[in-house]
C-alpha atoms as a PDB file:
ATOM      1  CA  MET A   1      82.500 121.515 107.554  1.00  0.00           C
ATOM      2  CA  ALA A   2      82.472 122.422 103.890  1.00  0.00           C
ATOM      3  CA  ILE A   3      86.245 122.969 104.094  1.00  0.00           C
ATOM      4  CA  SER A   4      86.908 119.527 105.489  1.00  0.00           C
ATOM      5  CA  ARG A   5      84.702 117.956 102.616  1.00  0.00           C
ATOM      6  CA  SER A   6      86.530 120.053 100.044  1.00  0.00           C
ATOM      7  CA  THR A   7      89.804 118.962 101.288  1.00  0.00           C
ATOM      8  CA  ALA A   8      88.691 115.338 101.334  1.00  0.00           C
ATOM      9  CA  VAL A   9      87.479 115.646  97.656  1.00  0.00           C
ATOM     10  CA  LYS A  10      90.647 117.300  96.668  1.00  0.00           C
ATOM     11  CA  TRP A  11      92.812 114.463  98.176  1.00  0.00           C
ATOM     12  CA  SER A  12      90.345 111.739  96.762  1.00  0.00           C
ATOM     13  CA  LEU A  13      90.808 113.222  93.420  1.00  0.00           C
ATOM     14  CA  THR A  14      94.747 113.332  94.018  1.00  0.00           C
ATOM     15  CA  ALA A  15      94.648 109.822  95.048  1.00  0.00           C
ATOM     16  CA  VAL A  16      92.599 108.811  91.999  1.00  0.00           C
ATOM     17  CA  THR A  17      94.941 110.832  89.693  1.00  0.00           C
ATOM     18  CA  ALA A  18      97.928 109.161  91.227  1.00  0.00           C
ATOM     19  CA  GLY A  19      96.328 105.782  90.726  1.00  0.00           C
ATOM     20  CA  ALA A  20      95.721 106.582  87.111  1.00  0.00           C
ATOM     21  CA  LEU A  21      99.285 107.706  86.638  1.00  0.00           C
ATOM     22  CA  LEU A  22     100.807 104.669  88.307  1.00  0.00           C
ATOM     23  CA  ALA A  23      98.960 102.094  86.371  1.00  0.00           C
ATOM     24  CA  GLY A  24     101.777 100.150  84.348  1.00  0.00           C
ATOM     25  CA  CYS A  25     104.674 101.876  86.224  1.00  0.00           C
ATOM     26  CA  SER A  26     107.595  99.774  87.152  1.00  0.00           C
ATOM     27  CA  ALA A  27     110.815 100.120  89.270  1.00  0.00           C
ATOM     28  CA  SER A  28     113.746  98.026  90.108  1.00  0.00           C
ATOM     29  CA  VAL A  29     115.932  97.698  93.097  1.00  0.00           C
ATOM     30  CA  ASN A  30     119.337  95.959  93.499  1.00  0.00           C
ATOM     31  CA  VAL A  31     119.144  94.243  96.939  1.00  0.00           C
ATOM     32  CA  GLY A  32     122.664  92.845  97.245  1.00  0.00           C
ATOM     33  CA  THR A  33     121.915  89.386  98.888  1.00  0.00           C
ATOM     34  CA  SER A  34     122.176  85.806  97.666  1.00  0.00           C
ATOM     35  CA  GLU A  35     118.413  85.275  98.039  1.00  0.00           C
ATOM     36  CA  PRO A  36     116.887  88.591  96.886  1.00  0.00           C
ATOM     37  CA  LYS A  37     114.370  90.161  99.180  1.00  0.00           C
ATOM     38  CA  LEU A  38     113.398  93.753  99.363  1.00  0.00           C
ATOM     39  CA  SER A  39     112.436  94.976 102.938  1.00  0.00           C
ATOM     40  CA  ALA A  40     109.030  96.518 103.392  1.00  0.00           C
ATOM     41  CA  GLU A  41     110.716  99.814 104.372  1.00  0.00           C
ATOM     42  CA  LYS A  42     112.998 100.067 101.140  1.00  0.00           C
ATOM     43  CA  LEU A  43     109.781  99.016  99.152  1.00  0.00           C
ATOM     44  CA  ALA A  44     107.740 101.798 100.403  1.00  0.00           C
ATOM     45  CA  THR A  45     110.429 104.248  99.867  1.00  0.00           C
ATOM     46  CA  THR A  46     110.876 103.034  96.226  1.00  0.00           C
ATOM     47  CA  VAL A  47     107.156 103.279  95.478  1.00  0.00           C
ATOM     48  CA  SER A  48     106.868 106.678  97.193  1.00  0.00           C
ATOM     49  CA  GLU A  49     109.830 108.091  95.086  1.00  0.00           C
ATOM     50  CA  LYS A  50     108.384 106.488  91.941  1.00  0.00           C
ATOM     51  CA  LEU A  51     104.964 108.055  92.630  1.00  0.00           C
ATOM     52  CA  ALA A  52     106.530 111.450  93.331  1.00  0.00           C
ATOM     53  CA  ARG A  53     108.500 111.462  89.997  1.00  0.00           C
ATOM     54  CA  THR A  54     105.535 110.374  88.037  1.00  0.00           C
ATOM     55  CA  THR A  55     103.123 112.895  89.465  1.00  0.00           C
ATOM     56  CA  GLY A  56     105.542 115.746  89.986  1.00  0.00           C
ATOM     57  CA  ARG A  57     104.096 115.961  93.575  1.00  0.00           C
ATOM     58  CA  PRO A  58     105.744 115.657  96.859  1.00  0.00           C
ATOM     59  CA  LYS A  59     106.473 111.911  98.050  1.00  0.00           C
ATOM     60  CA  PRO A  60     103.263 110.498  99.623  1.00  0.00           C
ATOM     61  CA  ASP A  61     103.274 108.402 102.698  1.00  0.00           C
ATOM     62  CA  ILE A  62     103.410 104.798 101.652  1.00  0.00           C
ATOM     63  CA  SER A  63     103.488 101.823 104.011  1.00  0.00           C
ATOM     64  CA  CYS A  64     103.939  98.193 102.954  1.00  0.00           C
ATOM     65  CA  PRO A  65     103.180  95.361 105.356  1.00  0.00           C
ATOM     66  CA  GLU A  66     105.953  92.927 104.402  1.00  0.00           C
ATOM     67  CA  ASP A  67     109.221  92.361 102.600  1.00  0.00           C
ATOM     68  CA  LEU A  68     108.894  91.555  98.884  1.00  0.00           C
ATOM     69  CA  ALA A  69     110.468  88.125  97.898  1.00  0.00           C
ATOM     70  CA  GLY A  70     112.374  88.103  94.805  1.00  0.00           C
ATOM     71  CA  ARG A  71     110.322  85.649  92.828  1.00  0.00           C
ATOM     72  CA  VAL A  72     108.523  86.557  89.631  1.00  0.00           C
ATOM     73  CA  GLY A  73     104.797  86.837  90.185  1.00  0.00           C
ATOM     74  CA  THR A  74     105.123  87.680  94.030  1.00  0.00           C
ATOM     75  CA  LYS A  75     102.658  90.384  95.011  1.00  0.00           C
ATOM     76  CA  THR A  76     102.284  92.574  98.049  1.00  0.00           C
ATOM     77  CA  ARG A  77      99.847  95.289  98.785  1.00  0.00           C
ATOM     78  CA  CYS A  78     100.971  98.635 100.010  1.00  0.00           C
ATOM     79  CA  LYS A  79      98.850 101.600 101.127  1.00  0.00           C
ATOM     80  CA  LEU A  80      99.146 105.249 100.332  1.00  0.00           C
ATOM     81  CA  THR A  81      97.767 107.518 103.048  1.00  0.00           C
ATOM     82  CA  ALA A  82      96.986 111.194 102.226  1.00  0.00           C
ATOM     83  CA  ASP A  83      97.188 114.190 104.736  1.00  0.00           C
ATOM     84  CA  ASP A  84      93.425 113.897 105.356  1.00  0.00           C
ATOM     85  CA  GLY A  85      93.545 110.181 106.166  1.00  0.00           C
ATOM     86  CA  SER A  86      92.078 108.872 102.982  1.00  0.00           C
ATOM     87  CA  THR A  87      93.933 105.808 101.597  1.00  0.00           C
ATOM     88  CA  LEU A  88      94.651 104.252  98.350  1.00  0.00           C
ATOM     89  CA  GLY A  89      95.690 100.566  97.699  1.00  0.00           C
ATOM     90  CA  VAL A  90      98.833  99.866  95.763  1.00  0.00           C
ATOM     91  CA  THR A  91      99.695  96.461  94.365  1.00  0.00           C
ATOM     92  CA  VAL A  92     103.453  95.644  93.747  1.00  0.00           C
ATOM     93  CA  THR A  93     104.202  92.629  91.582  1.00  0.00           C
ATOM     94  CA  VAL A  94     107.632  91.257  90.771  1.00  0.00           C
ATOM     95  CA  SER A  95     107.936  91.179  87.037  1.00  0.00           C
ATOM     96  CA  SER A  96     111.542  89.824  86.823  1.00  0.00           C
ATOM     97  CA  VAL A  97     114.590  89.047  88.931  1.00  0.00           C
ATOM     98  CA  GLU A  98     118.097  89.507  87.430  1.00  0.00           C
ATOM     99  CA  GLY A  99     120.685  88.329  89.876  1.00  0.00           C
ATOM    100  CA  GLU A 100     120.232  90.476  92.864  1.00  0.00           C
ATOM    101  CA  GLN A 101     117.970  93.057  91.204  1.00  0.00           C
ATOM    102  CA  ILE A 102     114.191  92.863  91.680  1.00  0.00           C
ATOM    103  CA  ASN A 103     112.037  94.451  88.959  1.00  0.00           C
ATOM    104  CA  PHE A 104     108.506  95.120  89.875  1.00  0.00           C
ATOM    105  CA  ASP A 105     105.465  96.630  88.478  1.00  0.00           C
ATOM    106  CA  ILE A 106     103.351  99.102  90.489  1.00  0.00           C
ATOM    107  CA  LYS A 107      99.524  99.498  90.157  1.00  0.00           C
ATOM    108  CA  ALA A 108      97.412 101.705  92.298  1.00  0.00           C
ATOM    109  CA  ASP A 109      93.718 101.155  92.964  1.00  0.00           C
ATOM    110  CA  GLU A 110      91.246 103.166  90.775  1.00  0.00           C
ATOM    111  CA  THR A 111      89.346 104.557  93.935  1.00  0.00           C
ATOM    112  CA  ALA A 112      90.460 105.859  97.264  1.00  0.00           C
ATOM    113  CA  SER A 113      88.902 104.938 100.562  1.00  0.00           C
ATOM    114  CA  PRO A 114      87.793 108.011 102.404  1.00  0.00           C
ATOM    115  CA  ALA A 115      89.372 109.118 105.513  1.00  0.00           C
ATOM    116  CA  PRO A 116      87.736 107.778 108.869  1.00  0.00           C
ATOM    117  CA  ASP A 117      85.404 110.058 110.582  1.00  0.00           C
END
């Protein structure tokens, strides 16, 4: 049991560190359509890649529930899931749209949710 808790603490700390490192990060994606929209799958991949580059760790498991519309101020919530099942919320906010390119900011929550028992 102590090993499990140690692992959970390690991942929670990792998730919190990731959150601190993601505060204020941004990314952009060229979507190639007349009405810009980024699919939930592409958004999750982009957020995962950005997090990996920022932290120097392998790409985490990120899921996003919906496509991101290319309108300034549009927000969506994605979820980072650690290997132990703990999760960290990630807010993605469109900061600008330049033609077909959607620019967005990524901000992770400050605290992770523990893995379900």
